[in-house]
Amino acid sequence: MRFKVTHTTHYRYRQPASESFAELRVWPQDTPTQKVLSRQLEVEPEVPVDSYTDYFGNLVEFFSVPFRHNALSIHATAEVKTFPGPDLSAVLATPLGEARQIFNSHVYKIFDFLQATEKVPLRDLELPDGKRFFREADGIGECLLRLNGWIYKTYKYVPGATDISTPLPQVLQMKKGVCQDFAHLMLAILRYSGLPARYVSGYIEAYDPEKSDDKLVGAAASHAWVEALLPGGYWWGLDPTNNQVVGERHVKVAAGRDYDDVAPMRGTYKGAQDQRLQVLVSLKRRKQTTKQPKVTA
């Protein structure tokens, strides 16, 4: 599938800001299941933009506006092509107990994705008993899907019920939240059970124009899901918000330990505290064009 992705962030300050600085993680990745065909970034006021690759392999762009300005706009667009994932049936059938042994043999490589973070605490949480999801004789794929489905059925997606500062214990108590909450919850259960997993940010297509499937939620803004490590080193994407395996309708941007590692934009400015923020995200499928062969008389 081919998509056009747009991500616009607009700040307007009550009083002019004297200067500002920002970091962006909005560039989709090239992966085995997606390829970035073109990409453009526009910043207003116009200033130079530099970039670097962070510890987790994400492309980070950064800039500063060293003069007074009333507003700041960032408009990122990209053309991305997604592909079906590989056949993982054999590795997904690996018994969970055997998968654990494989992970334990090279834990130093996956250490970061087994640890607690501020947004994914592993202590003082009333987590469900991991045995209900993780039976040692079951295939690792079956176990992961069981957890993915449980979160979807147990927690209600309610836009505005939480924000990124809402602690995970509060989400557990309310049993409602948004995509980043469900991703953090899934990470907590997996890591507490000794299974490496990472947080992923990106975009999702709400409606499939070629089918009459139910709407996928989380398309109005940046979406979040989880990648769990499989034996052999493949990171398998799971979307607990929609109870789906991540596929061609997901566009991946960044991965890390939790939201703080992949926030689309973070920064600071000097000026009055009052500001207005507007974020617009769009993922639109592009029509596939096939050239017709020429017919000669």
C-alpha atoms as a PDB file:
ATOM      1  CA  MET A   1       0.000   0.000   0.000  1.00  0.00           C
ATOM      2  CA  ARG A   2       1.088   3.551  -0.626  1.00  0.00           C
ATOM      3  CA  PHE A   3       0.239   6.420   1.727  1.00  0.00           C
ATOM      4  CA  LYS A   4       0.674  10.155   2.006  1.00  0.00           C
ATOM      5  CA  VAL A   5       1.405  11.109   5.609  1.00  0.00           C
ATOM      6  CA  THR A   6       1.043  14.659   6.918  1.00  0.00           C
ATOM      7  CA  HIS A   7       1.809  15.803  10.450  1.00  0.00           C
ATOM      8  CA  THR A   8       1.316  19.476  11.297  1.00  0.00           C
ATOM      9  CA  THR A   9       2.060  21.093  14.662  1.00  0.00           C
ATOM     10  CA  HIS A  10       1.213  24.741  15.256  1.00  0.00           C
ATOM     11  CA  TYR A  11       1.986  26.840  18.333  1.00  0.00           C
ATOM     12  CA  ARG A  12       0.682  30.374  18.830  1.00  0.00           C
ATOM     13  CA  TYR A  13       2.007  32.394  21.778  1.00  0.00           C
ATOM     14  CA  ARG A  14       0.011  34.975  23.733  1.00  0.00           C
ATOM     15  CA  GLN A  15       3.112  37.152  23.782  1.00  0.00           C
ATOM     16  CA  PRO A  16       6.016  36.828  21.328  1.00  0.00           C
ATOM     17  CA  ALA A  17       8.571  34.186  22.295  1.00  0.00           C
ATOM     18  CA  SER A  18      12.113  35.522  22.349  1.00  0.00           C
ATOM     19  CA  GLU A  19      13.579  32.173  21.226  1.00  0.00           C
ATOM     20  CA  SER A  20      12.664  28.488  21.010  1.00  0.00           C
ATOM     21  CA  PHE A  21      14.214  25.070  20.479  1.00  0.00           C
ATOM     22  CA  ALA A  22      12.629  21.806  19.371  1.00  0.00           C
ATOM     23  CA  GLU A  23      13.400  18.157  18.602  1.00  0.00           C
ATOM     24  CA  LEU A  24      11.260  16.186  16.150  1.00  0.00           C
ATOM     25  CA  ARG A  25      10.710  12.473  15.663  1.00  0.00           C
ATOM     26  CA  VAL A  26       8.250  12.513  12.771  1.00  0.00           C
ATOM     27  CA  TRP A  27      10.266  10.910   9.971  1.00  0.00           C
ATOM     28  CA  PRO A  28       8.893   7.437   9.065  1.00  0.00           C
ATOM     29  CA  GLN A  29      11.482   4.667   9.107  1.00  0.00           C
ATOM     30  CA  ASP A  30      12.702   2.419   6.339  1.00  0.00           C
ATOM     31  CA  THR A  31      12.030  -1.120   7.575  1.00  0.00           C
ATOM     32  CA  PRO A  32      11.600  -4.564   5.989  1.00  0.00           C
ATOM     33  CA  THR A  33       7.865  -3.784   5.715  1.00  0.00           C
ATOM     34  CA  GLN A  34       7.902  -0.121   4.691  1.00  0.00           C
ATOM     35  CA  LYS A  35       9.914   2.237   2.503  1.00  0.00           C
ATOM     36  CA  VAL A  36       9.956   6.049   2.513  1.00  0.00           C
ATOM     37  CA  LEU A  37       9.612   7.209  -1.106  1.00  0.00           C
ATOM     38  CA  SER A  38       9.822  10.966  -0.486  1.00  0.00           C
ATOM     39  CA  ARG A  39       9.741  13.339   2.421  1.00  0.00           C
ATOM     40  CA  GLN A  40       9.617  17.081   3.165  1.00  0.00           C
ATOM     41  CA  LEU A  41       9.799  19.199   6.315  1.00  0.00           C
ATOM     42  CA  GLU A  42       8.738  22.843   6.515  1.00  0.00           C
ATOM     43  CA  VAL A  43       9.388  25.027   9.581  1.00  0.00           C
ATOM     44  CA  GLU A  44       7.931  28.516   9.963  1.00  0.00           C
ATOM     45  CA  PRO A  45       9.726  30.796  10.827  1.00  0.00           C
ATOM     46  CA  GLU A  46      12.208  29.355   8.349  1.00  0.00           C
ATOM     47  CA  VAL A  47      15.410  28.278  10.112  1.00  0.00           C
ATOM     48  CA  PRO A  48      18.123  25.652   9.450  1.00  0.00           C
ATOM     49  CA  VAL A  49      17.224  22.092  10.519  1.00  0.00           C
ATOM     50  CA  ASP A  50      19.878  19.552  11.522  1.00  0.00           C
ATOM     51  CA  SER A  51      19.502  15.867  12.330  1.00  0.00           C
ATOM     52  CA  TYR A  52      21.081  12.908  14.098  1.00  0.00           C
ATOM     53  CA  THR A  53      20.278   9.246  14.766  1.00  0.00           C
ATOM     54  CA  ASP A  54      19.472   8.549  18.410  1.00  0.00           C
ATOM     55  CA  TYR A  55      20.412   5.575  20.591  1.00  0.00           C
ATOM     56  CA  PHE A  56      17.398   3.579  19.402  1.00  0.00           C
ATOM     57  CA  GLY A  57      17.994   4.203  15.693  1.00  0.00           C
ATOM     58  CA  ASN A  58      15.352   6.906  15.252  1.00  0.00           C
ATOM     59  CA  LEU A  59      16.032   9.888  13.001  1.00  0.00           C
ATOM     60  CA  VAL A  60      15.794  13.066  15.079  1.00  0.00           C
ATOM     61  CA  GLU A  61      15.604  16.542  13.571  1.00  0.00           C
ATOM     62  CA  PHE A  62      16.254  19.650  15.640  1.00  0.00           C
ATOM     63  CA  PHE A  63      16.285  23.397  15.202  1.00  0.00           C
ATOM     64  CA  SER A  64      16.296  26.663  17.108  1.00  0.00           C
ATOM     65  CA  VAL A  65      14.555  29.965  16.429  1.00  0.00           C
ATOM     66  CA  PRO A  66      16.949  32.535  17.961  1.00  0.00           C
ATOM     67  CA  PHE A  67      14.719  35.586  17.442  1.00  0.00           C
ATOM     68  CA  ARG A  68      11.282  36.872  18.471  1.00  0.00           C
ATOM     69  CA  HIS A  69       8.296  35.083  16.930  1.00  0.00           C
ATOM     70  CA  ASN A  70       4.549  34.980  17.568  1.00  0.00           C
ATOM     71  CA  ALA A  71       3.985  31.440  16.271  1.00  0.00           C
ATOM     72  CA  LEU A  72       5.808  28.253  15.338  1.00  0.00           C
ATOM     73  CA  SER A  73       4.604  25.784  12.692  1.00  0.00           C
ATOM     74  CA  ILE A  74       6.088  22.427  11.669  1.00  0.00           C
ATOM     75  CA  HIS A  75       4.642  20.649   8.654  1.00  0.00           C
ATOM     76  CA  ALA A  76       6.014  17.198   7.775  1.00  0.00           C
ATOM     77  CA  THR A  77       4.856  15.229   4.736  1.00  0.00           C
ATOM     78  CA  ALA A  78       5.975  11.850   3.427  1.00  0.00           C
ATOM     79  CA  GLU A  79       5.129   9.269   0.805  1.00  0.00           C
ATOM     80  CA  VAL A  80       5.439   5.797   2.290  1.00  0.00           C
ATOM     81  CA  LYS A  81       4.936   2.353   0.798  1.00  0.00           C
ATOM     82  CA  THR A  82       4.086  -0.545   3.103  1.00  0.00           C
ATOM     83  CA  PHE A  83       4.454  -4.262   2.449  1.00  0.00           C
ATOM     84  CA  PRO A  84       3.102  -7.474   3.996  1.00  0.00           C
ATOM     85  CA  GLY A  85       5.243  -8.900   6.765  1.00  0.00           C
ATOM     86  CA  PRO A  86       7.129 -12.203   6.503  1.00  0.00           C
ATOM     87  CA  ASP A  87       5.584 -15.576   7.278  1.00  0.00           C
ATOM     88  CA  LEU A  88       6.234 -15.967  11.007  1.00  0.00           C
ATOM     89  CA  SER A  89       4.105 -19.058  11.605  1.00  0.00           C
ATOM     90  CA  ALA A  90       7.082 -21.248  12.525  1.00  0.00           C
ATOM     91  CA  VAL A  91       8.683 -18.829  14.980  1.00  0.00           C
ATOM     92  CA  LEU A  92       5.320 -17.876  16.514  1.00  0.00           C
ATOM     93  CA  ALA A  93       4.766 -21.543  17.298  1.00  0.00           C
ATOM     94  CA  THR A  94       7.965 -21.660  19.404  1.00  0.00           C
ATOM     95  CA  PRO A  95       6.960 -22.728  22.929  1.00  0.00           C
ATOM     96  CA  LEU A  96       7.162 -19.799  25.334  1.00  0.00           C
ATOM     97  CA  GLY A  97       9.520 -21.683  27.660  1.00  0.00           C
ATOM     98  CA  GLU A  98      11.956 -22.264  24.792  1.00  0.00           C
ATOM     99  CA  ALA A  99      11.677 -18.606  23.734  1.00  0.00           C
ATOM    100  CA  ARG A 100      12.610 -17.522  27.267  1.00  0.00           C
ATOM    101  CA  GLN A 101      15.771 -19.643  27.133  1.00  0.00           C
ATOM    102  CA  ILE A 102      16.729 -17.996  23.848  1.00  0.00           C
ATOM    103  CA  PHE A 103      16.210 -14.516  25.292  1.00  0.00           C
ATOM    104  CA  ASN A 104      18.195 -15.354  28.426  1.00  0.00           C
ATOM    105  CA  SER A 105      21.170 -16.393  26.290  1.00  0.00           C
ATOM    106  CA  HIS A 106      21.670 -12.823  25.040  1.00  0.00           C
ATOM    107  CA  VAL A 107      19.940 -10.679  27.642  1.00  0.00           C
ATOM    108  CA  TYR A 108      22.657  -8.010  27.360  1.00  0.00           C
ATOM    109  CA  LYS A 109      21.390  -7.166  23.861  1.00  0.00           C
ATOM    110  CA  ILE A 110      17.793  -6.633  24.980  1.00  0.00           C
ATOM    111  CA  PHE A 111      18.406  -5.258  28.474  1.00  0.00           C
ATOM    112  CA  ASP A 112      16.820  -1.860  27.757  1.00  0.00           C
ATOM    113  CA  PHE A 113      13.521  -3.445  26.743  1.00  0.00           C
ATOM    114  CA  LEU A 114      13.176  -5.494  29.928  1.00  0.00           C
ATOM    115  CA  GLN A 115      13.544  -2.610  32.371  1.00  0.00           C
ATOM    116  CA  ALA A 116      11.094  -0.351  34.135  1.00  0.00           C
ATOM    117  CA  THR A 117      10.839   3.285  33.095  1.00  0.00           C
ATOM    118  CA  GLU A 118       8.967   6.255  34.515  1.00  0.00           C
ATOM    119  CA  LYS A 119       6.008   5.564  32.245  1.00  0.00           C
ATOM    120  CA  VAL A 120       6.290   1.775  32.461  1.00  0.00           C
ATOM    121  CA  PRO A 121       6.782   1.021  36.169  1.00  0.00           C
ATOM    122  CA  LEU A 122       7.051  -2.620  37.197  1.00  0.00           C
ATOM    123  CA  ARG A 123       6.490  -2.255  40.928  1.00  0.00           C
ATOM    124  CA  ASP A 124       3.445  -1.318  42.977  1.00  0.00           C
ATOM    125  CA  LEU A 125       1.135  -2.131  40.077  1.00  0.00           C
ATOM    126  CA  GLU A 126      -1.935  -4.328  40.362  1.00  0.00           C
ATOM    127  CA  LEU A 127      -1.154  -6.252  37.182  1.00  0.00           C
ATOM    128  CA  PRO A 128      -3.091  -9.368  36.223  1.00  0.00           C
ATOM    129  CA  ASP A 129      -1.476 -12.724  36.884  1.00  0.00           C
ATOM    130  CA  GLY A 130       0.844 -13.347  33.936  1.00  0.00           C
ATOM    131  CA  LYS A 131      -0.022 -17.048  33.987  1.00  0.00           C
ATOM    132  CA  ARG A 132      -3.373 -16.286  32.395  1.00  0.00           C
ATOM    133  CA  PHE A 133      -1.525 -15.174  29.264  1.00  0.00           C
ATOM    134  CA  PHE A 134       1.859 -16.882  29.374  1.00  0.00           C
ATOM    135  CA  ARG A 135       1.799 -20.667  29.540  1.00  0.00           C
ATOM    136  CA  GLU A 136       5.220 -22.143  29.005  1.00  0.00           C
ATOM    137  CA  ALA A 137       4.035 -24.872  26.634  1.00  0.00           C
ATOM    138  CA  ASP A 138       1.990 -22.536  24.424  1.00  0.00           C
ATOM    139  CA  GLY A 139       3.460 -20.873  21.358  1.00  0.00           C
ATOM    140  CA  ILE A 140       4.830 -17.410  21.998  1.00  0.00           C
ATOM    141  CA  GLY A 141       2.540 -16.000  19.310  1.00  0.00           C
ATOM    142  CA  GLU A 142      -0.546 -17.450  20.991  1.00  0.00           C
ATOM    143  CA  CYS A 143       0.538 -15.956  24.327  1.00  0.00           C
ATOM    144  CA  LEU A 144       1.104 -12.496  22.876  1.00  0.00           C
ATOM    145  CA  LEU A 145      -2.211 -12.488  21.034  1.00  0.00           C
ATOM    146  CA  ARG A 146      -3.979 -13.567  24.219  1.00  0.00           C
ATOM    147  CA  LEU A 147      -2.595 -10.534  26.059  1.00  0.00           C
ATOM    148  CA  ASN A 148      -3.317  -8.203  23.143  1.00  0.00           C
ATOM    149  CA  GLY A 149      -6.959  -9.302  23.081  1.00  0.00           C
ATOM    150  CA  TRP A 150      -7.365  -9.065  26.857  1.00  0.00           C
ATOM    151  CA  ILE A 151      -6.259  -5.415  26.930  1.00  0.00           C
ATOM    152  CA  TYR A 152      -8.629  -4.608  24.070  1.00  0.00           C
ATOM    153  CA  LYS A 153     -11.593  -6.229  25.822  1.00  0.00           C
ATOM    154  CA  THR A 154     -10.809  -4.962  29.326  1.00  0.00           C
ATOM    155  CA  TYR A 155      -9.938  -1.306  28.696  1.00  0.00           C
ATOM    156  CA  LYS A 156     -12.119   1.219  26.898  1.00  0.00           C
ATOM    157  CA  TYR A 157     -10.709   3.655  24.353  1.00  0.00           C
ATOM    158  CA  VAL A 158     -11.898   7.133  25.430  1.00  0.00           C
ATOM    159  CA  PRO A 159     -10.211  10.142  23.771  1.00  0.00           C
ATOM    160  CA  GLY A 160      -9.404  12.798  26.358  1.00  0.00           C
ATOM    161  CA  ALA A 161      -9.766  10.450  29.329  1.00  0.00           C
ATOM    162  CA  THR A 162      -6.020  10.678  29.917  1.00  0.00           C
ATOM    163  CA  ASP A 163      -3.006  12.607  28.716  1.00  0.00           C
ATOM    164  CA  ILE A 164       0.649  11.673  28.508  1.00  0.00           C
ATOM    165  CA  SER A 165       1.180  12.690  32.155  1.00  0.00           C
ATOM    166  CA  THR A 166      -1.493  10.266  33.473  1.00  0.00           C
ATOM    167  CA  PRO A 167       0.323   7.571  35.490  1.00  0.00           C
ATOM    168  CA  LEU A 168      -0.215   3.933  34.592  1.00  0.00           C
ATOM    169  CA  PRO A 169      -1.716   3.007  38.021  1.00  0.00           C
ATOM    170  CA  GLN A 170      -4.501   5.534  37.356  1.00  0.00           C
ATOM    171  CA  VAL A 171      -5.177   4.002  33.930  1.00  0.00           C
ATOM    172  CA  LEU A 172      -5.415   0.567  35.554  1.00  0.00           C
ATOM    173  CA  GLN A 173      -7.937   1.905  38.052  1.00  0.00           C
ATOM    174  CA  MET A 174     -10.097   3.765  35.507  1.00  0.00           C
ATOM    175  CA  LYS A 175      -9.940   0.950  32.908  1.00  0.00           C
ATOM    176  CA  LYS A 176      -9.975   3.484  30.108  1.00  0.00           C
ATOM    177  CA  GLY A 177      -7.487   5.560  28.181  1.00  0.00           C
ATOM    178  CA  VAL A 178      -5.932   6.028  24.775  1.00  0.00           C
ATOM    179  CA  CYS A 179      -3.390   4.220  22.635  1.00  0.00           C
ATOM    180  CA  GLN A 180      -0.260   5.223  24.554  1.00  0.00           C
ATOM    181  CA  ASP A 181      -1.860   4.025  27.799  1.00  0.00           C
ATOM    182  CA  PHE A 182      -2.641   0.604  26.347  1.00  0.00           C
ATOM    183  CA  ALA A 183       0.854   0.343  24.859  1.00  0.00           C
ATOM    184  CA  HIS A 184       2.439   1.202  28.228  1.00  0.00           C
ATOM    185  CA  LEU A 185       0.188  -1.325  29.980  1.00  0.00           C
ATOM    186  CA  MET A 186       1.139  -4.074  27.544  1.00  0.00           C
ATOM    187  CA  LEU A 187       4.825  -3.227  27.962  1.00  0.00           C
ATOM    188  CA  ALA A 188       4.504  -3.411  31.752  1.00  0.00           C
ATOM    189  CA  ILE A 189       2.897  -6.867  31.658  1.00  0.00           C
ATOM    190  CA  LEU A 190       5.390  -8.203  29.138  1.00  0.00           C
ATOM    191  CA  ARG A 191       8.480  -6.850  30.891  1.00  0.00           C
ATOM    192  CA  TYR A 192       7.230  -7.908  34.323  1.00  0.00           C
ATOM    193  CA  SER A 193       6.912 -11.402  32.835  1.00  0.00           C
ATOM    194  CA  GLY A 194      10.471 -11.269  31.490  1.00  0.00           C
ATOM    195  CA  LEU A 195       9.555 -10.754  27.824  1.00  0.00           C
ATOM    196  CA  PRO A 196      11.350  -7.954  25.937  1.00  0.00           C
ATOM    197  CA  ALA A 197       9.136  -5.388  24.241  1.00  0.00           C
ATOM    198  CA  ARG A 198       9.369  -1.821  22.980  1.00  0.00           C
ATOM    199  CA  TYR A 199       7.076   1.160  22.400  1.00  0.00           C
ATOM    200  CA  VAL A 200       6.365   2.262  18.818  1.00  0.00           C
ATOM    201  CA  SER A 201       4.956   5.539  17.521  1.00  0.00           C
ATOM    202  CA  GLY A 202       3.470   6.010  14.091  1.00  0.00           C
ATOM    203  CA  TYR A 203       0.260   6.439  12.138  1.00  0.00           C
ATOM    204  CA  ILE A 204      -2.680   4.243  11.241  1.00  0.00           C
ATOM    205  CA  GLU A 205      -5.307   4.257   8.497  1.00  0.00           C
ATOM    206  CA  ALA A 206      -8.781   4.481  10.028  1.00  0.00           C
ATOM    207  CA  TYR A 207     -10.817   2.995   7.177  1.00  0.00           C
ATOM    208  CA  ASP A 208      -9.835   0.483   4.534  1.00  0.00           C
ATOM    209  CA  PRO A 209     -11.421   1.850   1.327  1.00  0.00           C
ATOM    210  CA  GLU A 210     -11.413  -1.623  -0.215  1.00  0.00           C
ATOM    211  CA  LYS A 211     -13.269  -3.362   2.632  1.00  0.00           C
ATOM    212  CA  SER A 212     -16.174  -2.796   5.002  1.00  0.00           C
ATOM    213  CA  ASP A 213     -14.198  -3.577   8.156  1.00  0.00           C
ATOM    214  CA  ASP A 214     -14.764  -1.698  11.407  1.00  0.00           C
ATOM    215  CA  LYS A 215     -12.946   1.593  11.885  1.00  0.00           C
ATOM    216  CA  LEU A 216      -9.492   1.419  13.472  1.00  0.00           C
ATOM    217  CA  VAL A 217      -9.223   3.929  16.302  1.00  0.00           C
ATOM    218  CA  GLY A 218      -6.238   6.173  16.940  1.00  0.00           C
ATOM    219  CA  ALA A 219      -5.971   7.717  13.475  1.00  0.00           C
ATOM    220  CA  ALA A 220      -6.814  11.271  14.546  1.00  0.00           C
ATOM    221  CA  ALA A 221      -3.329  11.767  16.005  1.00  0.00           C
ATOM    222  CA  SER A 222      -0.055   9.906  16.294  1.00  0.00           C
ATOM    223  CA  HIS A 223      -0.772   6.276  17.116  1.00  0.00           C
ATOM    224  CA  ALA A 224       1.102   3.925  19.445  1.00  0.00           C
ATOM    225  CA  TRP A 225       1.568   0.184  19.617  1.00  0.00           C
ATOM    226  CA  VAL A 226       4.009  -2.445  20.890  1.00  0.00           C
ATOM    227  CA  GLU A 227       6.693  -4.587  19.305  1.00  0.00           C
ATOM    228  CA  ALA A 228       7.521  -7.819  21.120  1.00  0.00           C
ATOM    229  CA  LEU A 229      10.771  -9.619  20.413  1.00  0.00           C
ATOM    230  CA  LEU A 230      10.537 -13.084  18.878  1.00  0.00           C
ATOM    231  CA  PRO A 231      13.210 -15.797  18.782  1.00  0.00           C
ATOM    232  CA  GLY A 232      15.477 -15.012  15.860  1.00  0.00           C
ATOM    233  CA  GLY A 233      15.473 -11.277  16.552  1.00  0.00           C
ATOM    234  CA  TYR A 234      12.276 -10.202  14.745  1.00  0.00           C
ATOM    235  CA  TRP A 235      10.214  -7.474  16.434  1.00  0.00           C
ATOM    236  CA  TRP A 236       6.530  -8.370  16.024  1.00  0.00           C
ATOM    237  CA  GLY A 237       4.078  -5.461  16.103  1.00  0.00           C
ATOM    238  CA  LEU A 238       0.848  -5.727  18.110  1.00  0.00           C
ATOM    239  CA  ASP A 239      -1.804  -3.025  18.427  1.00  0.00           C
ATOM    240  CA  PRO A 240      -3.789  -3.523  21.666  1.00  0.00           C
ATOM    241  CA  THR A 241      -5.956  -0.471  20.950  1.00  0.00           C
ATOM    242  CA  ASN A 242      -7.440  -2.275  17.946  1.00  0.00           C
ATOM    243  CA  ASN A 243      -6.691  -5.913  18.871  1.00  0.00           C
ATOM    244  CA  GLN A 244      -4.674  -6.326  15.688  1.00  0.00           C
ATOM    245  CA  VAL A 245      -1.336  -7.553  14.477  1.00  0.00           C
ATOM    246  CA  VAL A 246       0.424  -4.535  12.973  1.00  0.00           C
ATOM    247  CA  GLY A 247       0.166  -4.649   9.202  1.00  0.00           C
ATOM    248  CA  GLU A 248       0.205  -2.606   6.025  1.00  0.00           C
ATOM    249  CA  ARG A 249      -2.162   0.024   7.424  1.00  0.00           C
ATOM    250  CA  HIS A 250       0.342   0.989  10.126  1.00  0.00           C
ATOM    251  CA  VAL A 251       3.211   3.389   9.322  1.00  0.00           C
ATOM    252  CA  LYS A 252       6.088   3.207  11.796  1.00  0.00           C
ATOM    253  CA  VAL A 253       7.990   6.324  12.850  1.00  0.00           C
ATOM    254  CA  ALA A 254      10.070   5.585  15.962  1.00  0.00           C
ATOM    255  CA  ALA A 255      10.688   2.980  18.668  1.00  0.00           C
ATOM    256  CA  GLY A 256      12.002   3.160  22.215  1.00  0.00           C
ATOM    257  CA  ARG A 257      11.427   2.106  25.805  1.00  0.00           C
ATOM    258  CA  ASP A 258       8.282   4.241  26.223  1.00  0.00           C
ATOM    259  CA  TYR A 259       6.613   7.414  24.953  1.00  0.00           C
ATOM    260  CA  ASP A 260       9.383   9.655  26.275  1.00  0.00           C
ATOM    261  CA  ASP A 261      11.861   8.078  23.835  1.00  0.00           C
ATOM    262  CA  VAL A 262       9.683   8.702  20.771  1.00  0.00           C
ATOM    263  CA  ALA A 263       7.655  11.885  21.435  1.00  0.00           C
ATOM    264  CA  PRO A 264       6.902  13.476  18.037  1.00  0.00           C
ATOM    265  CA  MET A 265       7.989  16.878  19.300  1.00  0.00           C
ATOM    266  CA  ARG A 266       9.603  18.205  22.447  1.00  0.00           C
ATOM    267  CA  GLY A 267      11.218  21.514  23.128  1.00  0.00           C
ATOM    268  CA  THR A 268      11.231  24.738  25.061  1.00  0.00           C
ATOM    269  CA  TYR A 269      10.820  28.455  24.518  1.00  0.00           C
ATOM    270  CA  LYS A 270      11.325  31.738  26.350  1.00  0.00           C
ATOM    271  CA  GLY A 271       8.172  33.769  26.757  1.00  0.00           C
ATOM    272  CA  ALA A 272       4.757  33.895  28.396  1.00  0.00           C
ATOM    273  CA  GLN A 273       3.446  30.533  29.568  1.00  0.00           C
ATOM    274  CA  ASP A 274       0.116  30.897  27.774  1.00  0.00           C
ATOM    275  CA  GLN A 275       0.157  29.224  24.351  1.00  0.00           C
ATOM    276  CA  ARG A 276      -2.214  27.492  21.967  1.00  0.00           C
ATOM    277  CA  LEU A 277      -1.323  24.158  20.407  1.00  0.00           C
ATOM    278  CA  GLN A 278      -2.937  22.518  17.396  1.00  0.00           C
ATOM    279  CA  VAL A 279      -1.878  19.149  15.950  1.00  0.00           C
ATOM    280  CA  LEU A 280      -3.267  17.718  12.724  1.00  0.00           C
ATOM    281  CA  VAL A 281      -2.403  14.224  11.462  1.00  0.00           C
ATOM    282  CA  SER A 282      -3.498  12.597   8.217  1.00  0.00           C
ATOM    283  CA  LEU A 283      -2.761   9.242   6.603  1.00  0.00           C
ATOM    284  CA  LYS A 284      -4.321   8.875   3.160  1.00  0.00           C
ATOM    285  CA  ARG A 285      -3.977   5.924   0.836  1.00  0.00           C
ATOM    286  CA  ARG A 286      -2.689   6.753  -2.629  1.00  0.00           C
ATOM    287  CA  LYS A 287      -4.235   5.074  -5.618  1.00  0.00           C
ATOM    288  CA  GLN A 288      -2.040   2.503  -7.307  1.00  0.00           C
ATOM    289  CA  THR A 289      -1.596   3.342 -10.965  1.00  0.00           C
ATOM    290  CA  THR A 290      -0.796   0.665 -13.502  1.00  0.00           C
ATOM    291  CA  LYS A 291       0.467   1.637 -16.914  1.00  0.00           C
ATOM    292  CA  GLN A 292      -1.506   0.122 -19.736  1.00  0.00           C
ATOM    293  CA  PRO A 293       0.519  -1.461 -22.552  1.00  0.00           C
ATOM    294  CA  LYS A 294       0.469   0.396 -25.829  1.00  0.00           C
ATOM    295  CA  VAL A 295      -1.612  -1.149 -28.556  1.00  0.00           C
ATOM    296  CA  THR A 296      -0.259  -0.778 -32.070  1.00  0.00           C
ATOM    297  CA  ALA A 297      -2.167  -1.407 -35.273  1.00  0.00           C
END
